[in-house]
Amino acid sequence: MKPVLALIGRPNVGKSTLFNRLTRSRDALVADFPGLTRDRKYGTGDHHGRGYMLIDTGGLSGEETGIDEYMAKQTRAAIAESSAILFLVDGRQGLTAADEQIARDIRQTGKPVFLLVNKIDGVDADQASAEFYALGFTEVFMIAASQGRGVTSMIDDILDHLGAEFEDEEEQEDDGSIKIAFIGRPNVGKSTLINRILGEERVIAFDQPGTTRDSIFIPFERDGLRYTLIDTAGVRRRRSVDEAIEKFSIIKTLDAIQRAHVVVMLVDAHDAITDQDAHLLGLALEAGRALIIAVNKWDGLESDERDWIKQQLEVKLPFVLDFAEVFFISALHGSNVGLLYAAVKRAYDSAMLKVATSRLTRILEMAVQQHQPPLTRGQRIKLRYAHQGGSNPFRLIIHGNRTEYVPDSYTRYLTNYFRQTLKLTGTQVRVEYKTGENPYEGKRNTLTPRQEYKRQRMLGHVIKERKKRAKKK
């Protein structure tokens, strides 16, 4: 499991700003007033190939009444989930009584604590951080989250400090098996489906939400192929997550998605497609994992109910139906479960496919011949060649001129064209562009003596003409 870092501190010390910078996103709202962040927010980051998970929290003000009590409860849950604590303080405001109280509380957790003195831009960093050493933390970093000052070296040192704890686990992950994570809301039948695939009662399946508390990794072999089935805990809406032990399930489910090759998303055919289903799918897509959708509890539904759930899929999940296969199954009775084996293999093969640059370039040329890129500012965009940039998801790097002006509609056309030509199923195709550098940019031609003479004569004629026009006026 990747290290989990919790951002803790008073309101308005820059936690959300640092969260956005470390995750390279704008997921957390940022404004110059306290109390904007209330719920926990999860994100992932990568630093030179080393991944980590981040939790943004609301501020701890010491006044645990009303909404502040809820925020404090969310913060304590984030601390419980974390591997280490990033304690942010405001270098401009200086040390406060609230900072001292937070320091006493997090020191009792026994987890590694890194003190981050934020907002040192425009002030003397050593002077601003001096009084915070009284908190007694040995690992102190001076940063400016809004400007990025000191952030790279800070996260580098923190991951180095935590590296020894997580290195062995990362090395064990690449065992050559196809890892399949089963995700979904509580009580949609994830454990029942895994038991059906295994042919035995390997994990507890009970008609009560929240039976599975942790992610369970189960080795499995079929037809000479090795699989690792990952049974995850159901992720509820945040307002429904009350038990302390269930809070650990959320971060472990997100980690299971990161570690899987293929994600099987289970949907309950008796319920409407919820925002939580779309959110879980978004996490799988953001991680770039191959995807299969399984609508469970299909047996016993009337024809109008089946039409209704199919309409729900088309309306609420259109962003995945263009590449993800959908199966209507019954995990309890085994209906259509056997179809999932071939679907997993197709999705895995598509996600891990390697294609030569010459073939990708030929496909690009055919796509451009059928539909030329649009004109931008009177000039045609030129796409010259393509190569593969990575797998799971399939990354396509296209080189050309003026590629920064390629519209989203044309990118969607290329995505669909490559997916259909390469017969990719279950995996995304991510298209990235690179514009070739102009070798003559910034360079001036050196004129020969004859060219310089002609230039001076021409300038002389221009000056004379301007003087004639000025006299006539």
Protein backbone atom coordinates (compact mmCIF):
# COMPACT_ATOMS: atom_id res chain seq x y z
CA MET A 1 0.00 0.00 0.00
CA LYS A 2 1.25 3.48 -0.82
CA PRO A 3 2.03 5.86 2.04
CA VAL A 4 -0.99 7.89 3.12
CA LEU A 5 -0.23 11.49 4.14
CA ALA A 6 -2.80 13.51 6.13
CA LEU A 7 -2.69 17.32 5.98
CA ILE A 8 -3.50 18.65 9.46
CA GLY A 9 -3.56 22.19 10.83
CA ARG A 10 -5.60 25.25 11.75
CA PRO A 11 -8.06 26.76 9.27
CA ASN A 12 -6.58 28.83 6.43
CA VAL A 13 -2.96 27.74 6.82
CA GLY A 14 -2.78 26.46 3.22
CA LYS A 15 -3.70 22.78 3.44
CA SER A 16 -5.92 22.77 0.34
CA THR A 17 -3.35 24.79 -1.63
CA LEU A 18 -0.68 22.23 -0.77
CA PHE A 19 -3.10 19.37 -1.57
CA ASN A 20 -3.69 20.78 -5.06
CA ARG A 21 0.02 21.24 -5.68
CA LEU A 22 1.00 17.74 -4.49
CA THR A 23 -1.81 16.05 -6.46
CA ARG A 24 -1.35 18.38 -9.46
CA SER A 25 -5.06 19.13 -9.51
CA ARG A 26 -7.61 21.75 -8.51
CA ASP A 27 -9.87 19.34 -6.68
CA ALA A 28 -9.74 21.20 -3.36
CA LEU A 29 -11.42 24.59 -3.13
CA VAL A 30 -9.07 27.40 -2.14
CA ALA A 31 -10.08 30.82 -0.83
CA ASP A 32 -8.70 33.38 1.62
CA PHE A 33 -11.07 32.64 4.47
CA PRO A 34 -11.11 29.87 7.07
CA GLY A 35 -13.42 26.84 7.19
CA LEU A 36 -13.83 26.25 3.43
CA THR A 37 -12.80 22.56 3.63
CA ARG A 38 -15.10 20.51 5.84
CA ASP A 39 -15.06 16.90 4.61
CA ARG A 40 -12.01 14.75 4.04
CA LYS A 41 -10.79 14.81 0.43
CA TYR A 42 -8.62 12.10 -1.10
CA GLY A 43 -6.07 12.43 -3.88
CA THR A 44 -3.05 10.64 -5.33
CA GLY A 45 0.36 12.01 -6.22
CA ASP A 46 3.55 10.84 -7.86
CA HIS A 47 7.08 12.06 -7.29
CA HIS A 48 9.77 10.63 -9.59
CA GLY A 49 7.92 7.32 -9.87
CA ARG A 50 7.09 7.07 -6.17
CA GLY A 51 3.35 7.20 -5.49
CA TYR A 52 1.53 8.39 -2.40
CA MET A 53 -2.02 9.15 -1.28
CA LEU A 54 -3.04 12.44 0.29
CA ILE A 55 -5.93 13.44 2.56
CA ASP A 56 -7.01 17.07 2.81
CA THR A 57 -8.88 17.92 6.02
CA GLY A 58 -10.80 20.79 7.56
CA GLY A 59 -9.04 23.02 10.04
CA LEU A 60 -8.83 22.32 13.75
CA SER A 61 -9.85 25.47 15.61
CA GLY A 62 -10.17 24.08 19.12
CA GLU A 63 -13.87 25.07 19.22
CA GLU A 64 -15.48 21.68 18.69
CA THR A 65 -19.11 22.80 18.51
CA GLY A 66 -21.50 22.75 15.57
CA ILE A 67 -19.76 22.44 12.20
CA ASP A 68 -16.35 22.63 13.89
CA GLU A 69 -17.16 19.43 15.78
CA TYR A 70 -17.94 17.68 12.49
CA MET A 71 -14.72 18.98 10.92
CA ALA A 72 -12.70 17.79 13.92
CA LYS A 73 -14.29 14.34 13.62
CA GLN A 74 -13.32 14.16 9.93
CA THR A 75 -9.78 15.24 10.79
CA ARG A 76 -9.39 12.57 13.47
CA ALA A 77 -10.58 9.96 10.93
CA ALA A 78 -7.92 11.17 8.46
CA ILE A 79 -5.24 10.86 11.14
CA ALA A 80 -6.37 7.28 11.87
CA GLU A 81 -6.15 6.37 8.16
CA SER A 82 -2.74 7.98 7.58
CA SER A 83 0.77 6.58 7.55
CA ALA A 84 2.24 9.98 8.45
CA ILE A 85 0.99 13.44 9.39
CA LEU A 86 1.90 16.67 7.61
CA PHE A 87 1.29 19.37 10.24
CA LEU A 88 0.91 22.79 8.60
CA VAL A 89 1.42 26.07 10.44
CA ASP A 90 1.33 29.68 9.24
CA GLY A 91 4.81 31.23 9.18
CA ARG A 92 3.39 34.75 8.95
CA GLN A 93 1.00 34.53 11.89
CA GLY A 94 3.49 32.77 14.10
CA LEU A 95 2.95 30.15 16.79
CA THR A 96 -0.54 30.11 18.33
CA ALA A 97 -2.19 28.30 21.21
CA ALA A 98 -4.22 26.24 18.70
CA ASP A 99 -0.97 25.06 17.06
CA GLU A 100 0.34 23.93 20.45
CA GLN A 101 -2.88 22.02 21.18
CA ILE A 102 -2.82 20.29 17.79
CA ALA A 103 0.84 19.37 18.30
CA ARG A 104 0.02 17.74 21.67
CA ASP A 105 -2.85 15.76 20.14
CA ILE A 106 -1.01 14.41 17.09
CA ARG A 107 2.10 13.56 19.11
CA GLN A 108 -0.02 11.06 21.08
CA THR A 109 -0.85 9.13 17.89
CA GLY A 110 2.70 7.80 17.68
CA LYS A 111 2.77 8.35 13.91
CA PRO A 112 5.57 10.18 12.06
CA VAL A 113 4.89 13.94 12.09
CA PHE A 114 6.44 16.41 9.65
CA LEU A 115 6.10 20.08 10.55
CA LEU A 116 5.56 22.33 7.52
CA VAL A 117 5.99 26.07 8.07
CA ASN A 118 3.94 27.56 5.23
CA LYS A 119 3.67 31.05 3.71
CA ILE A 120 7.35 31.95 3.99
CA ASP A 121 7.31 33.82 0.66
CA GLY A 122 8.23 37.46 1.20
CA VAL A 123 9.54 36.93 4.74
CA ASP A 124 12.78 35.73 6.31
CA ALA A 125 12.31 31.94 6.39
CA ASP A 126 14.66 31.26 9.30
CA GLN A 127 13.11 33.97 11.42
CA ALA A 128 9.57 32.86 10.57
CA SER A 129 10.23 29.24 11.51
CA ALA A 130 12.38 29.79 14.62
CA GLU A 131 9.57 29.81 17.20
CA PHE A 132 7.96 26.64 15.78
CA TYR A 133 10.92 24.53 16.88
CA ALA A 134 9.46 24.88 20.38
CA LEU A 135 6.79 22.34 19.34
CA GLY A 136 9.47 19.66 19.58
CA PHE A 137 9.31 18.14 16.08
CA THR A 138 12.64 17.24 14.52
CA GLU A 139 11.45 17.14 10.89
CA VAL A 140 10.76 20.81 9.98
CA PHE A 141 10.31 22.11 6.42
CA MET A 142 9.89 25.72 5.28
CA ILE A 143 7.62 26.01 2.24
CA ALA A 144 5.40 28.38 0.27
CA ALA A 145 2.59 26.17 -1.07
CA SER A 146 1.07 28.85 -3.31
CA GLN A 147 4.41 29.47 -5.06
CA GLY A 148 5.75 25.91 -4.86
CA ARG A 149 8.83 27.02 -2.97
CA GLY A 150 10.42 24.14 -1.06
CA VAL A 151 7.55 21.73 -1.87
CA THR A 152 9.55 19.41 -4.16
CA SER A 153 12.44 18.95 -1.74
CA MET A 154 9.95 18.55 1.12
CA ILE A 155 7.99 15.68 -0.46
CA ASP A 156 11.26 14.10 -1.63
CA ASP A 157 12.63 14.03 1.94
CA ILE A 158 9.34 12.76 3.39
CA LEU A 159 9.10 9.88 0.90
CA ASP A 160 12.76 9.03 1.58
CA HIS A 161 11.98 8.93 5.28
CA LEU A 162 8.97 6.66 4.75
CA GLY A 163 10.51 4.65 1.90
CA ALA A 164 11.96 1.79 3.91
CA GLU A 165 8.54 0.95 5.34
CA PHE A 166 6.83 0.62 1.95
CA GLU A 167 9.61 -0.71 -0.34
CA ASP A 168 9.14 -4.40 0.48
CA GLU A 169 5.40 -4.27 -0.13
CA GLU A 170 5.83 -2.60 -3.52
CA GLU A 171 8.34 -5.25 -4.63
CA GLN A 172 5.91 -8.08 -3.81
CA GLU A 173 3.16 -6.69 -6.04
CA ASP A 174 4.59 -7.71 -9.43
CA ASP A 175 3.96 -11.46 -9.25
CA GLY A 176 2.87 -11.87 -12.88
CA SER A 177 -0.83 -12.37 -12.10
CA ILE A 178 -3.76 -10.38 -13.48
CA LYS A 179 -5.09 -8.34 -10.56
CA ILE A 180 -8.84 -7.75 -10.57
CA ALA A 181 -10.45 -5.36 -8.06
CA PHE A 182 -14.18 -5.70 -7.39
CA ILE A 183 -15.63 -2.34 -6.35
CA GLY A 184 -19.07 -0.96 -5.64
CA ARG A 185 -21.40 0.27 -2.96
CA PRO A 186 -22.05 -1.91 0.10
CA ASN A 187 -24.23 -5.00 -0.35
CA VAL A 188 -24.09 -5.11 -4.17
CA GLY A 189 -22.69 -8.67 -4.10
CA LYS A 190 -18.90 -8.28 -4.46
CA SER A 191 -18.07 -11.07 -2.00
CA THR A 192 -20.81 -13.30 -3.43
CA LEU A 193 -19.41 -12.86 -6.94
CA ILE A 194 -15.87 -13.75 -5.81
CA ASN A 195 -17.15 -16.86 -4.04
CA ARG A 196 -18.98 -17.84 -7.24
CA ILE A 197 -15.80 -17.39 -9.30
CA LEU A 198 -13.75 -19.41 -6.80
CA GLY A 199 -16.39 -22.08 -6.36
CA GLU A 200 -16.13 -21.93 -2.58
CA GLU A 201 -17.10 -19.74 0.38
CA ARG A 202 -13.74 -18.00 0.56
CA VAL A 203 -14.95 -14.60 1.81
CA ILE A 204 -17.87 -13.73 4.07
CA ALA A 205 -21.05 -12.92 2.13
CA PHE A 206 -23.92 -11.67 4.27
CA ASP A 207 -27.04 -9.60 3.56
CA GLN A 208 -25.82 -6.63 5.56
CA PRO A 209 -23.90 -3.61 4.27
CA GLY A 210 -20.32 -3.33 5.48
CA THR A 211 -19.57 -7.04 5.99
CA THR A 212 -16.18 -6.70 4.26
CA ARG A 213 -14.01 -4.28 6.23
CA ASP A 214 -10.66 -4.63 4.49
CA SER A 215 -9.36 -5.35 0.99
CA ILE A 216 -8.80 -9.11 0.61
CA PHE A 217 -6.28 -10.44 -1.94
CA ILE A 218 -7.03 -13.98 -3.17
CA PRO A 219 -4.73 -15.86 -5.60
CA PHE A 220 -6.63 -17.85 -8.23
CA GLU A 221 -5.68 -19.87 -11.33
CA ARG A 222 -7.84 -20.83 -14.31
CA ASP A 223 -6.93 -22.25 -17.72
CA GLY A 224 -3.23 -21.75 -17.02
CA LEU A 225 -3.63 -18.04 -16.15
CA ARG A 226 -2.94 -16.64 -12.70
CA TYR A 227 -5.27 -14.06 -11.20
CA THR A 228 -5.41 -12.13 -7.96
CA LEU A 229 -8.97 -11.29 -6.94
CA ILE A 230 -9.28 -8.23 -4.71
CA ASP A 231 -12.46 -8.02 -2.65
CA THR A 232 -12.90 -4.45 -1.44
CA ALA A 233 -15.13 -2.91 1.18
CA GLY A 234 -18.10 -0.98 -0.13
CA VAL A 235 -17.63 2.78 -0.21
CA ARG A 236 -20.63 4.63 1.17
CA ARG A 237 -21.53 8.28 1.01
CA ARG A 238 -19.38 10.18 3.49
CA ARG A 239 -22.30 11.18 5.68
CA SER A 240 -23.06 7.46 6.12
CA VAL A 241 -19.56 6.57 7.33
CA ASP A 242 -19.74 6.60 11.11
CA GLU A 243 -17.92 3.56 12.48
CA ALA A 244 -14.21 4.16 13.06
CA ILE A 245 -13.22 0.76 11.61
CA GLU A 246 -15.15 1.44 8.38
CA LYS A 247 -13.20 4.64 7.77
CA PHE A 248 -10.16 2.49 7.04
CA SER A 249 -12.10 0.73 4.24
CA ILE A 250 -12.26 3.87 2.11
CA ILE A 251 -8.53 4.42 1.78
CA LYS A 252 -7.92 0.69 1.24
CA THR A 253 -10.49 0.57 -1.55
CA LEU A 254 -8.78 3.47 -3.29
CA ASP A 255 -5.45 1.69 -2.87
CA ALA A 256 -6.90 -1.54 -4.32
CA ILE A 257 -7.96 0.35 -7.46
CA GLN A 258 -4.41 1.67 -7.83
CA ARG A 259 -2.91 -1.82 -7.52
CA ALA A 260 -5.33 -3.58 -9.91
CA HIS A 261 -4.99 -4.14 -13.66
CA VAL A 262 -8.73 -4.56 -14.23
CA VAL A 263 -11.57 -3.10 -12.15
CA VAL A 264 -14.98 -4.81 -12.09
CA MET A 265 -17.60 -2.28 -11.02
CA LEU A 266 -20.70 -3.92 -9.54
CA VAL A 267 -24.07 -2.16 -9.72
CA ASP A 268 -27.24 -3.33 -8.00
CA ALA A 269 -29.98 -3.88 -10.60
CA HIS A 270 -32.65 -3.15 -7.98
CA ASP A 271 -31.32 0.36 -7.24
CA ALA A 272 -30.91 3.49 -9.33
CA ILE A 273 -27.44 4.47 -10.48
CA THR A 274 -26.24 6.87 -7.77
CA ASP A 275 -23.68 9.64 -7.65
CA GLN A 276 -21.56 7.32 -5.51
CA ASP A 277 -21.45 4.80 -8.39
CA ALA A 278 -20.31 7.55 -10.77
CA HIS A 279 -17.73 8.71 -8.21
CA LEU A 280 -16.26 5.21 -7.89
CA LEU A 281 -16.08 4.89 -11.66
CA GLY A 282 -14.34 8.26 -11.78
CA LEU A 283 -11.67 7.00 -9.38
CA ALA A 284 -11.07 3.93 -11.55
CA LEU A 285 -10.85 6.06 -14.70
CA GLU A 286 -8.53 8.57 -13.03
CA ALA A 287 -6.24 5.68 -12.09
CA GLY A 288 -6.38 4.58 -15.75
CA ARG A 289 -7.46 1.05 -14.98
CA ALA A 290 -9.24 -1.25 -17.43
CA LEU A 291 -12.93 -1.41 -16.59
CA ILE A 292 -15.84 -3.86 -16.72
CA ILE A 293 -19.35 -3.06 -15.47
CA ALA A 294 -21.38 -5.89 -13.97
CA VAL A 295 -25.05 -5.27 -13.17
CA ASN A 296 -25.78 -7.78 -10.41
CA LYS A 297 -29.06 -9.32 -9.13
CA TRP A 298 -30.44 -9.45 -12.69
CA ASP A 299 -32.50 -12.63 -12.12
CA GLY A 300 -36.15 -12.14 -11.30
CA LEU A 301 -36.47 -8.65 -12.78
CA GLU A 302 -39.42 -7.88 -14.99
CA SER A 303 -38.82 -6.68 -18.56
CA ASP A 304 -39.80 -3.09 -17.75
CA GLU A 305 -37.39 -3.08 -14.77
CA ARG A 306 -34.59 -4.34 -17.02
CA ASP A 307 -35.33 -1.62 -19.57
CA TRP A 308 -35.27 0.95 -16.77
CA ILE A 309 -31.81 -0.04 -15.47
CA LYS A 310 -30.41 -0.09 -19.02
CA GLN A 311 -31.74 3.44 -19.51
CA GLN A 312 -30.13 4.46 -16.21
CA LEU A 313 -26.76 3.22 -17.48
CA GLU A 314 -27.06 5.18 -20.71
CA VAL A 315 -28.13 8.40 -18.97
CA LYS A 316 -25.78 8.40 -15.95
CA LEU A 317 -22.70 6.52 -17.19
CA PRO A 318 -22.25 7.55 -20.84
CA PHE A 319 -18.60 8.40 -20.25
CA VAL A 320 -17.66 4.71 -19.87
CA LEU A 321 -20.08 2.91 -22.17
CA ASP A 322 -18.06 3.78 -25.29
CA PHE A 323 -15.24 1.43 -24.23
CA ALA A 324 -16.31 -0.61 -21.16
CA GLU A 325 -18.25 -3.85 -21.59
CA VAL A 326 -21.46 -4.26 -19.58
CA PHE A 327 -22.71 -7.63 -18.29
CA PHE A 328 -26.00 -8.43 -16.59
CA ILE A 329 -25.33 -11.17 -14.06
CA SER A 330 -26.54 -12.93 -10.95
CA ALA A 331 -23.66 -13.67 -8.59
CA LEU A 332 -25.94 -15.74 -6.34
CA HIS A 333 -27.17 -18.09 -9.08
CA GLY A 334 -24.19 -17.82 -11.44
CA SER A 335 -26.05 -16.42 -14.45
CA ASN A 336 -23.60 -14.97 -17.02
CA VAL A 337 -20.73 -14.99 -14.48
CA GLY A 338 -18.73 -17.21 -16.83
CA LEU A 339 -18.66 -14.39 -19.39
CA LEU A 340 -16.52 -12.28 -17.09
CA TYR A 341 -13.40 -14.45 -17.57
CA ALA A 342 -13.10 -13.66 -21.28
CA ALA A 343 -14.03 -10.01 -20.67
CA VAL A 344 -11.25 -9.64 -18.08
CA LYS A 345 -8.74 -11.18 -20.49
CA ARG A 346 -9.85 -8.85 -23.32
CA ALA A 347 -9.63 -5.78 -21.09
CA TYR A 348 -6.22 -6.81 -19.72
CA ASP A 349 -4.79 -7.57 -23.18
CA SER A 350 -6.08 -4.24 -24.52
CA ALA A 351 -4.69 -2.28 -21.58
CA MET A 352 -1.25 -3.93 -21.82
CA LEU A 353 -1.04 -3.98 -25.65
CA LYS A 354 2.28 -2.92 -27.22
CA VAL A 355 2.09 -1.41 -30.72
CA ALA A 356 5.01 -0.46 -32.96
CA THR A 357 5.53 3.19 -33.85
CA SER A 358 5.32 2.43 -37.57
CA ARG A 359 1.85 0.91 -37.22
CA LEU A 360 0.56 3.75 -35.05
CA THR A 361 1.88 6.28 -37.57
CA ARG A 362 0.09 4.47 -40.43
CA ILE A 363 -3.16 4.52 -38.46
CA LEU A 364 -2.69 8.24 -37.79
CA GLU A 365 -2.16 8.89 -41.51
CA MET A 366 -5.36 6.99 -42.36
CA ALA A 367 -7.31 8.92 -39.73
CA VAL A 368 -6.02 12.25 -41.05
CA GLN A 369 -6.84 11.28 -44.66
CA GLN A 370 -10.43 10.49 -43.72
CA HIS A 371 -10.89 13.60 -41.61
CA GLN A 372 -8.38 16.48 -41.72
CA PRO A 373 -7.69 18.55 -38.60
CA PRO A 374 -9.51 21.90 -38.69
CA LEU A 375 -7.92 25.21 -39.66
CA THR A 376 -6.80 27.41 -36.78
CA ARG A 377 -5.99 31.07 -37.40
CA GLY A 378 -5.89 30.36 -41.11
CA GLN A 379 -3.32 27.57 -40.83
CA ARG A 380 -3.72 23.79 -40.93
CA ILE A 381 -2.67 21.65 -37.96
CA LYS A 382 -0.13 19.05 -39.09
CA LEU A 383 0.06 15.67 -37.30
CA ARG A 384 3.24 13.88 -38.38
CA TYR A 385 3.73 10.64 -36.44
CA ALA A 386 2.57 8.75 -33.33
CA HIS A 387 4.12 6.41 -30.79
CA GLN A 388 2.97 4.62 -27.66
CA GLY A 389 3.71 6.36 -24.36
CA GLY A 390 2.57 3.71 -21.90
CA SER A 391 0.11 0.98 -20.96
CA ASN A 392 -2.90 0.63 -18.66
CA PRO A 393 -4.23 2.96 -19.90
CA PHE A 394 -3.09 2.93 -23.54
CA ARG A 395 -1.24 6.24 -23.99
CA LEU A 396 -0.81 7.65 -27.49
CA ILE A 397 1.73 10.42 -28.11
CA ILE A 398 1.13 12.35 -31.35
CA HIS A 399 3.82 14.70 -32.70
CA GLY A 400 3.15 17.56 -35.08
CA ASN A 401 2.92 21.31 -35.53
CA ARG A 402 0.42 23.61 -33.80
CA THR A 403 -0.89 20.65 -31.78
CA GLU A 404 -1.83 22.97 -28.92
CA TYR A 405 -4.76 24.11 -31.08
CA VAL A 406 -6.24 20.63 -31.64
CA PRO A 407 -9.90 20.87 -30.50
CA ASP A 408 -11.42 18.35 -28.09
CA SER A 409 -13.81 17.13 -30.78
CA TYR A 410 -10.92 16.07 -33.04
CA THR A 411 -9.17 14.37 -30.10
CA ARG A 412 -12.35 12.35 -29.50
CA TYR A 413 -12.37 11.41 -33.19
CA LEU A 414 -8.77 10.18 -33.01
CA THR A 415 -9.46 8.30 -29.76
CA ASN A 416 -12.38 6.42 -31.29
CA TYR A 417 -10.51 5.79 -34.54
CA PHE A 418 -7.50 4.23 -32.79
CA ARG A 419 -9.73 2.23 -30.42
CA GLN A 420 -11.71 0.76 -33.33
CA THR A 421 -8.67 0.09 -35.50
CA LEU A 422 -6.69 -1.58 -32.72
CA LYS A 423 -9.86 -3.32 -31.42
CA LEU A 424 -9.33 -2.11 -27.86
CA THR A 425 -12.04 -2.98 -25.33
CA GLY A 426 -12.30 -2.17 -21.66
CA THR A 427 -9.48 0.34 -21.58
CA GLN A 428 -9.17 4.06 -22.15
CA VAL A 429 -7.08 5.62 -24.91
CA ARG A 430 -5.38 8.76 -23.67
CA VAL A 431 -4.10 11.02 -26.44
CA GLU A 432 -1.29 13.48 -25.76
CA TYR A 433 0.27 15.93 -28.19
CA LYS A 434 3.79 17.25 -28.64
CA THR A 435 4.69 20.13 -30.92
CA GLY A 436 8.06 19.92 -32.64
CA GLU A 437 10.46 22.75 -31.96
CA ASN A 438 11.23 25.20 -34.75
CA PRO A 439 15.04 25.02 -35.27
CA TYR A 440 15.08 28.60 -36.60
CA GLU A 441 13.09 30.13 -33.74
CA GLY A 442 15.04 33.01 -32.16
CA LYS A 443 17.70 32.97 -34.86
CA ARG A 444 18.35 35.77 -37.36
CA ASN A 445 19.75 35.24 -40.82
CA THR A 446 23.29 36.57 -41.33
CA LEU A 447 23.29 38.76 -44.46
CA THR A 448 26.13 38.68 -46.96
CA PRO A 449 27.85 42.02 -47.79
CA ARG A 450 25.89 42.25 -51.08
CA GLN A 451 22.59 41.59 -49.28
CA GLU A 452 23.44 44.22 -46.66
CA TYR A 453 24.22 46.75 -49.45
CA LYS A 454 20.84 46.10 -51.12
CA ARG A 455 19.09 46.41 -47.76
CA GLN A 456 20.64 49.82 -47.09
CA ARG A 457 19.70 51.05 -50.59
CA MET A 458 16.12 49.91 -50.05
CA LEU A 459 15.93 51.67 -46.68
CA GLY A 460 17.26 54.86 -48.36
CA HIS A 461 14.48 54.76 -50.96
CA VAL A 462 11.86 54.24 -48.25
CA ILE A 463 13.12 57.24 -46.27
CA LYS A 464 13.09 59.47 -49.36
CA GLU A 465 9.51 58.45 -50.18
CA ARG A 466 8.39 59.25 -46.63
CA LYS A 467 9.98 62.73 -46.83
CA LYS A 468 8.25 63.45 -50.19
CA ARG A 469 4.87 62.50 -48.74
CA ALA A 470 5.49 64.64 -45.69
CA LYS A 471 6.26 67.74 -47.86
CA LYS A 472 3.10 67.26 -49.96
CA LYS A 473 0.98 67.23 -46.79
